[in-house]
N, C-alpha and C. Protein backbone atom coordinates (compact mmCIF):
# COMPACT_ATOMS: atom_id res chain seq x y z
N MET A 1 27.35 128.95 -60.15
CA MET A 1 28.03 127.12 -59.05
C MET A 1 27.91 127.40 -58.20
N THR A 2 27.25 126.65 -57.29
CA THR A 2 26.92 126.43 -55.59
C THR A 2 27.92 126.31 -55.29
N ASP A 3 28.37 126.51 -53.38
CA ASP A 3 29.03 125.88 -52.86
C ASP A 3 29.62 124.72 -52.57
N ASP A 4 28.82 123.79 -52.55
CA ASP A 4 28.79 122.37 -52.74
C ASP A 4 30.24 121.70 -53.94
N THR A 5 30.27 122.70 -55.39
CA THR A 5 30.61 122.42 -56.14
C THR A 5 32.27 122.45 -56.28
N VAL A 6 32.18 123.22 -55.55
CA VAL A 6 33.77 124.05 -55.36
C VAL A 6 34.64 123.71 -53.75
N ASP A 7 35.86 123.20 -54.61
CA ASP A 7 35.97 121.43 -52.86
C ASP A 7 36.29 123.18 -52.02
N GLN A 8 36.40 122.31 -50.68
CA GLN A 8 36.78 123.81 -49.40
C GLN A 8 38.34 123.88 -50.14
N GLU A 9 39.60 122.85 -50.41
CA GLU A 9 40.62 123.08 -49.80
C GLU A 9 41.01 124.02 -50.99
N LEU A 10 40.65 124.53 -52.12
CA LEU A 10 40.55 125.43 -53.63
C LEU A 10 39.60 126.74 -52.87
N ARG A 11 39.22 126.68 -51.62
CA ARG A 11 38.49 128.02 -51.98
C ARG A 11 38.99 128.35 -50.74
N SER A 12 40.26 127.67 -49.81
CA SER A 12 41.05 128.14 -49.04
C SER A 12 42.23 128.95 -49.41
N GLN A 13 42.82 128.02 -51.10
CA GLN A 13 43.73 128.69 -51.43
C GLN A 13 43.49 129.83 -51.94
N LEU A 14 42.41 130.39 -52.15
CA LEU A 14 42.02 131.47 -53.13
C LEU A 14 41.91 132.41 -51.95
N GLU A 15 41.38 132.56 -50.66
CA GLU A 15 41.89 133.10 -50.22
C GLU A 15 43.07 133.19 -49.32
N ALA A 16 44.18 132.54 -49.66
CA ALA A 16 44.91 132.78 -48.95
C ALA A 16 45.83 133.53 -50.02
N ALA A 17 45.38 133.10 -51.14
CA ALA A 17 46.18 133.80 -52.53
C ALA A 17 46.44 135.29 -52.25
N ARG A 18 47.47 135.60 -52.42
CA ARG A 18 47.79 137.31 -52.62
C ARG A 18 48.01 137.42 -53.63
N SER A 19 47.82 138.43 -54.17
CA SER A 19 48.35 139.97 -55.46
C SER A 19 49.20 138.72 -56.03
N GLY A 20 48.45 137.72 -57.28
CA GLY A 20 50.08 137.98 -58.32
C GLY A 20 50.27 136.61 -57.84
N SER A 21 49.88 135.55 -56.94
CA SER A 21 50.53 134.34 -56.15
C SER A 21 49.28 134.03 -57.78
N SER A 22 49.92 131.73 -57.80
CA SER A 22 49.44 131.41 -58.64
C SER A 22 48.30 130.39 -57.81
N VAL A 23 47.53 129.69 -58.50
CA VAL A 23 46.45 128.92 -57.72
C VAL A 23 45.97 127.57 -59.24
N GLY A 24 46.21 126.55 -58.55
CA GLY A 24 46.03 125.44 -59.17
C GLY A 24 44.76 124.90 -59.41
N ALA A 25 43.75 125.11 -60.28
CA ALA A 25 42.74 124.00 -60.22
C ALA A 25 42.16 123.45 -61.02
N VAL A 26 41.58 122.09 -60.81
CA VAL A 26 41.77 120.92 -62.33
C VAL A 26 39.67 121.43 -61.93
N PHE A 27 39.08 121.99 -63.14
CA PHE A 27 37.15 122.30 -63.48
C PHE A 27 36.65 121.19 -64.05
N THR A 28 35.75 120.76 -63.69
CA THR A 28 34.92 119.41 -64.68
C THR A 28 34.02 120.12 -65.87
N LEU A 29 33.59 120.12 -66.96
CA LEU A 29 32.72 120.98 -67.57
C LEU A 29 31.07 119.92 -67.37
N ARG A 30 29.91 121.09 -67.57
CA ARG A 30 29.03 120.65 -67.67
C ARG A 30 28.30 120.11 -68.50
N SER A 31 27.67 118.85 -68.19
CA SER A 31 27.39 117.88 -69.25
C SER A 31 26.24 118.97 -70.11
N PRO A 32 25.97 118.63 -71.56
CA PRO A 32 24.48 119.40 -71.66
C PRO A 32 23.26 119.16 -71.07
N ASP A 33 23.51 117.46 -71.19
CA ASP A 33 22.17 116.75 -70.62
C ASP A 33 22.12 115.75 -69.21
N VAL A 34 21.86 115.41 -68.44
CA VAL A 34 22.07 114.41 -67.77
C VAL A 34 21.70 113.33 -68.64
N GLY A 35 22.90 112.32 -68.32
CA GLY A 35 23.09 111.70 -68.94
C GLY A 35 24.35 111.16 -70.44
N MET A 36 24.52 112.84 -70.52
CA MET A 36 25.00 112.70 -71.92
C MET A 36 27.15 113.60 -71.06
N PHE A 37 27.12 113.25 -72.72
CA PHE A 37 28.98 113.38 -72.47
C PHE A 37 29.47 114.79 -73.12
N LEU A 38 30.69 115.30 -73.99
CA LEU A 38 30.80 115.98 -74.26
C LEU A 38 31.74 115.35 -74.85
N SER A 39 32.22 115.02 -76.22
CA SER A 39 33.05 114.83 -76.81
C SER A 39 34.15 115.19 -76.52
N PRO A 40 35.27 114.45 -76.90
CA PRO A 40 36.65 115.11 -76.53
C PRO A 40 36.76 116.84 -77.53
N GLU A 41 36.07 116.35 -78.56
CA GLU A 41 35.84 117.84 -79.26
C GLU A 41 35.90 119.10 -78.99
N GLU A 42 34.55 118.67 -78.53
CA GLU A 42 33.60 119.35 -77.28
C GLU A 42 34.51 119.88 -76.83
N THR A 43 35.28 118.91 -75.62
CA THR A 43 35.07 119.45 -74.63
C THR A 43 36.45 121.00 -74.58
N LEU A 44 38.04 120.23 -75.95
CA LEU A 44 38.56 121.03 -75.94
C LEU A 44 37.66 122.32 -76.42
N SER A 45 36.60 122.50 -77.60
CA SER A 45 36.54 123.92 -77.57
C SER A 45 36.00 124.60 -76.86
N LEU A 46 34.51 124.05 -75.79
CA LEU A 46 34.16 124.60 -74.22
C LEU A 46 35.72 124.66 -73.24
N ALA A 47 36.46 124.10 -73.67
CA ALA A 47 37.54 124.15 -72.34
C ALA A 47 38.37 125.79 -72.91
N ARG A 48 38.96 125.84 -74.32
CA ARG A 48 38.97 126.92 -74.82
C ARG A 48 38.51 128.59 -74.28
N HIS A 49 37.08 127.23 -74.87
CA HIS A 49 36.04 129.24 -74.76
C HIS A 49 36.10 129.67 -73.08
N VAL A 50 36.44 128.96 -72.68
CA VAL A 50 35.42 129.32 -70.48
C VAL A 50 36.83 129.94 -70.31
N ILE A 51 38.23 129.13 -70.45
CA ILE A 51 39.01 129.79 -70.26
C ILE A 51 39.93 131.44 -70.72
N ASP A 52 39.51 131.61 -72.30
CA ASP A 52 38.83 132.77 -73.08
C ASP A 52 38.12 134.11 -72.47
N GLU A 53 37.07 133.15 -71.63
CA GLU A 53 36.64 134.24 -71.56
C GLU A 53 36.14 134.46 -69.85
N ALA A 54 37.12 133.54 -69.55
CA ALA A 54 38.02 134.53 -67.96
C ALA A 54 38.90 134.87 -68.02
N ALA A 55 39.82 134.73 -68.78
CA ALA A 55 40.64 135.49 -69.33
C ALA A 55 40.40 136.80 -69.22
N HIS A 56 39.53 137.01 -70.02
CA HIS A 56 39.36 138.42 -70.84
C HIS A 56 37.98 139.33 -69.50
N SER A 57 37.73 138.37 -68.76
CA SER A 57 37.26 139.48 -67.10
C SER A 57 37.94 139.74 -66.60
N SER A 58 39.14 138.93 -66.18
CA SER A 58 39.70 138.55 -65.35
C SER A 58 40.80 139.02 -65.23
N GLY A 59 41.14 140.13 -66.82
CA GLY A 59 42.69 140.79 -67.33
C GLY A 59 43.71 140.28 -67.19
N SER A 60 43.74 138.46 -66.45
CA SER A 60 44.21 138.10 -66.45
C SER A 60 44.76 136.82 -67.24
N ALA A 61 45.70 136.24 -67.99
CA ALA A 61 45.86 135.07 -68.85
C ALA A 61 47.05 133.84 -68.03
N PRO A 62 45.97 132.89 -68.34
CA PRO A 62 46.80 131.31 -67.41
C PRO A 62 48.03 131.27 -67.38
N HIS A 63 48.78 130.68 -66.75
CA HIS A 63 50.15 130.64 -66.64
C HIS A 63 50.85 129.15 -67.04
N SER A 64 49.84 128.43 -67.35
CA SER A 64 49.22 127.22 -67.50
C SER A 64 47.90 126.20 -67.58
N VAL A 65 47.68 125.18 -69.13
CA VAL A 65 46.62 125.52 -69.25
C VAL A 65 46.51 123.53 -69.76
N GLN A 66 46.32 122.38 -68.88
CA GLN A 66 46.31 121.14 -69.31
C GLN A 66 44.55 120.78 -69.46
N VAL A 67 44.16 120.37 -71.36
CA VAL A 67 42.55 119.87 -71.32
C VAL A 67 42.87 118.47 -71.15
N PHE A 68 41.88 118.06 -70.39
CA PHE A 68 41.72 116.49 -69.97
C PHE A 68 40.42 116.21 -71.33
N PRO A 69 40.87 115.61 -72.69
CA PRO A 69 39.45 115.40 -73.45
C PRO A 69 38.37 114.88 -73.61
N ASN A 70 39.39 113.42 -72.74
CA ASN A 70 38.68 112.21 -72.89
C ASN A 70 37.40 112.13 -71.22
N LEU A 71 38.05 113.26 -70.51
CA LEU A 71 37.50 112.95 -68.86
C LEU A 71 36.22 114.33 -68.97
N GLN A 72 36.69 115.24 -70.01
CA GLN A 72 35.36 116.40 -70.04
C GLN A 72 35.71 117.46 -68.57
N SER A 73 37.38 117.65 -68.91
CA SER A 73 37.83 118.36 -67.82
C SER A 73 38.81 118.72 -67.88
N PHE A 74 39.35 120.12 -67.78
CA PHE A 74 40.42 120.86 -67.66
C PHE A 74 41.44 121.27 -66.37
N ALA A 75 43.17 122.06 -66.70
CA ALA A 75 43.27 122.23 -65.07
C ALA A 75 44.08 123.41 -65.31
N VAL A 76 44.62 124.41 -64.84
CA VAL A 76 44.79 125.79 -64.67
C VAL A 76 45.39 126.34 -63.85
N GLN A 77 46.90 126.62 -63.86
CA GLN A 77 47.21 127.71 -62.33
C GLN A 77 47.44 129.43 -63.57
N GLY A 78 46.86 129.56 -62.22
CA GLY A 78 46.86 131.62 -62.55
C GLY A 78 46.25 131.76 -61.73
N SER A 79 46.26 133.12 -61.47
CA SER A 79 45.65 134.20 -60.59
C SER A 79 44.79 133.47 -60.08
N SER A 80 44.66 133.79 -58.74
CA SER A 80 42.97 134.05 -58.37
C SER A 80 42.20 134.17 -58.19
N ALA A 81 42.34 135.49 -59.25
CA ALA A 81 41.17 136.09 -60.19
C ALA A 81 40.64 135.36 -61.49
N LEU A 82 41.94 134.76 -62.24
CA LEU A 82 41.53 133.95 -63.26
C LEU A 82 40.77 132.65 -62.66
N VAL A 83 41.00 131.79 -61.56
CA VAL A 83 40.80 130.95 -61.08
C VAL A 83 39.23 131.25 -61.06
N ASN A 84 39.29 132.19 -60.02
CA ASN A 84 37.58 132.69 -59.30
C ASN A 84 36.31 133.09 -60.29
N ALA A 85 37.23 134.11 -61.67
CA ALA A 85 36.33 134.22 -62.74
C ALA A 85 36.30 132.77 -63.66
N ILE A 86 36.71 131.64 -63.59
CA ILE A 86 36.06 130.67 -64.02
C ILE A 86 35.35 129.19 -63.24
N ILE A 87 35.44 129.79 -62.22
CA ILE A 87 34.36 129.13 -61.19
C ILE A 87 32.56 129.45 -61.55
N ALA A 88 33.01 131.01 -61.69
CA ALA A 88 31.48 131.72 -61.90
C ALA A 88 30.89 130.99 -63.53
N ARG A 89 31.72 130.86 -63.73
CA ARG A 89 31.33 130.41 -65.13
C ARG A 89 30.20 129.39 -65.41
N PRO A 90 29.00 129.15 -66.05
CA PRO A 90 28.22 128.48 -65.66
C PRO A 90 27.84 127.61 -66.63
N GLU A 91 29.23 127.39 -67.08
CA GLU A 91 29.65 126.12 -68.07
C GLU A 91 30.36 125.04 -67.20
N ILE A 92 30.97 125.41 -65.92
CA ILE A 92 31.25 124.39 -64.42
C ILE A 92 30.71 123.56 -64.10
N GLU A 93 31.31 122.24 -64.45
CA GLU A 93 29.88 121.40 -63.12
C GLU A 93 30.77 122.10 -61.56
N THR A 94 32.30 121.20 -61.82
CA THR A 94 33.30 121.17 -60.46
C THR A 94 34.22 121.83 -60.11
N ALA A 95 35.03 121.83 -59.43
CA ALA A 95 36.11 123.06 -58.87
C ALA A 95 37.05 122.34 -57.83
N THR A 96 38.38 121.97 -58.40
CA THR A 96 39.18 121.17 -57.13
C THR A 96 40.50 121.77 -57.22
N ALA A 97 40.96 121.96 -56.01
CA ALA A 97 42.00 122.37 -56.05
C ALA A 97 43.12 121.60 -56.97
N ASN A 98 44.19 122.21 -57.46
CA ASN A 98 45.08 120.46 -58.13
C ASN A 98 46.27 120.65 -57.37
N GLU A 99 46.47 120.95 -55.85
CA GLU A 99 46.86 120.20 -54.87
C GLU A 99 46.40 120.39 -53.68
N GLN A 100 46.48 119.30 -52.74
CA GLN A 100 45.78 118.71 -52.21
C GLN A 100 47.16 118.73 -50.77
N PRO A 101 46.18 118.89 -49.84
CA PRO A 101 47.16 118.75 -48.80
C PRO A 101 47.79 117.15 -48.17
N ASP A 102 48.91 117.05 -47.87
CA ASP A 102 49.50 115.86 -47.45
C ASP A 102 48.69 114.73 -47.01
N ASP A 103 48.19 115.16 -45.87
CA ASP A 103 47.45 114.13 -45.25
C ASP A 103 45.66 114.21 -45.31
N VAL A 104 45.60 113.17 -46.78
CA VAL A 104 44.01 113.00 -46.58
C VAL A 104 43.39 111.90 -46.38
N LEU A 105 44.54 111.38 -46.17
CA LEU A 105 44.06 110.01 -45.46
C LEU A 105 43.10 110.38 -44.57
N ILE A 106 42.24 108.72 -43.84
CA ILE A 106 41.99 108.74 -42.86
C ILE A 106 42.51 108.12 -41.82
N LYS A 107 43.08 108.61 -40.45
CA LYS A 107 43.19 108.39 -39.56
C LYS A 107 42.53 106.77 -39.42
N PRO A 108 43.70 106.06 -38.88
CA PRO A 108 42.73 104.83 -37.83
C PRO A 108 42.96 105.09 -36.51
N VAL A 109 41.72 105.09 -35.81
CA VAL A 109 41.11 104.59 -34.84
C VAL A 109 41.79 103.66 -33.24
N ALA A 110 41.28 103.87 -32.24
CA ALA A 110 41.39 102.92 -31.42
C ALA A 110 41.75 101.84 -32.48
N ARG A 111 42.54 100.97 -31.58
CA ARG A 111 42.44 99.03 -31.51
C ARG A 111 41.43 98.60 -30.65
N ARG A 112 40.51 97.53 -31.23
CA ARG A 112 39.47 97.08 -30.55
C ARG A 112 39.08 95.03 -30.94
N ALA A 113 38.88 94.93 -30.22
CA ALA A 113 38.81 93.24 -30.25
C ALA A 113 37.41 93.39 -31.34
N ALA A 114 37.82 92.45 -32.07
CA ALA A 114 36.77 91.92 -33.15
C ALA A 114 35.91 91.69 -32.30
N SER A 115 34.40 91.27 -32.35
CA SER A 115 33.26 90.71 -32.16
C SER A 115 32.19 90.16 -33.06
N ARG A 116 31.97 88.65 -32.43
CA ARG A 116 31.32 87.71 -33.52
C ARG A 116 29.29 87.71 -33.08
């Protein structure tokens, strides 16, 4: 997975996570071909496979899992080792922090008169 497919907030949370602390992330599964999508059944099966393999390689089971079959994605709450193991899987297209900072709105700039 390239750096631009992992949310910066998730990277920050993973770096800040202590041993034993939990991190939440939402993952999108890679499509088999450009313009193609996984069926809900394929999404469920592939998500289970990715999570099982990552849990085995990291030695850490997820605290919670939620699969979104119609969105080709899933959410995991677990150790930073588990989340990093999932990120490293080739089946993953994107990874985003489940909890984003409160201040995600664009701040307004100084007012000025409209010109025509």
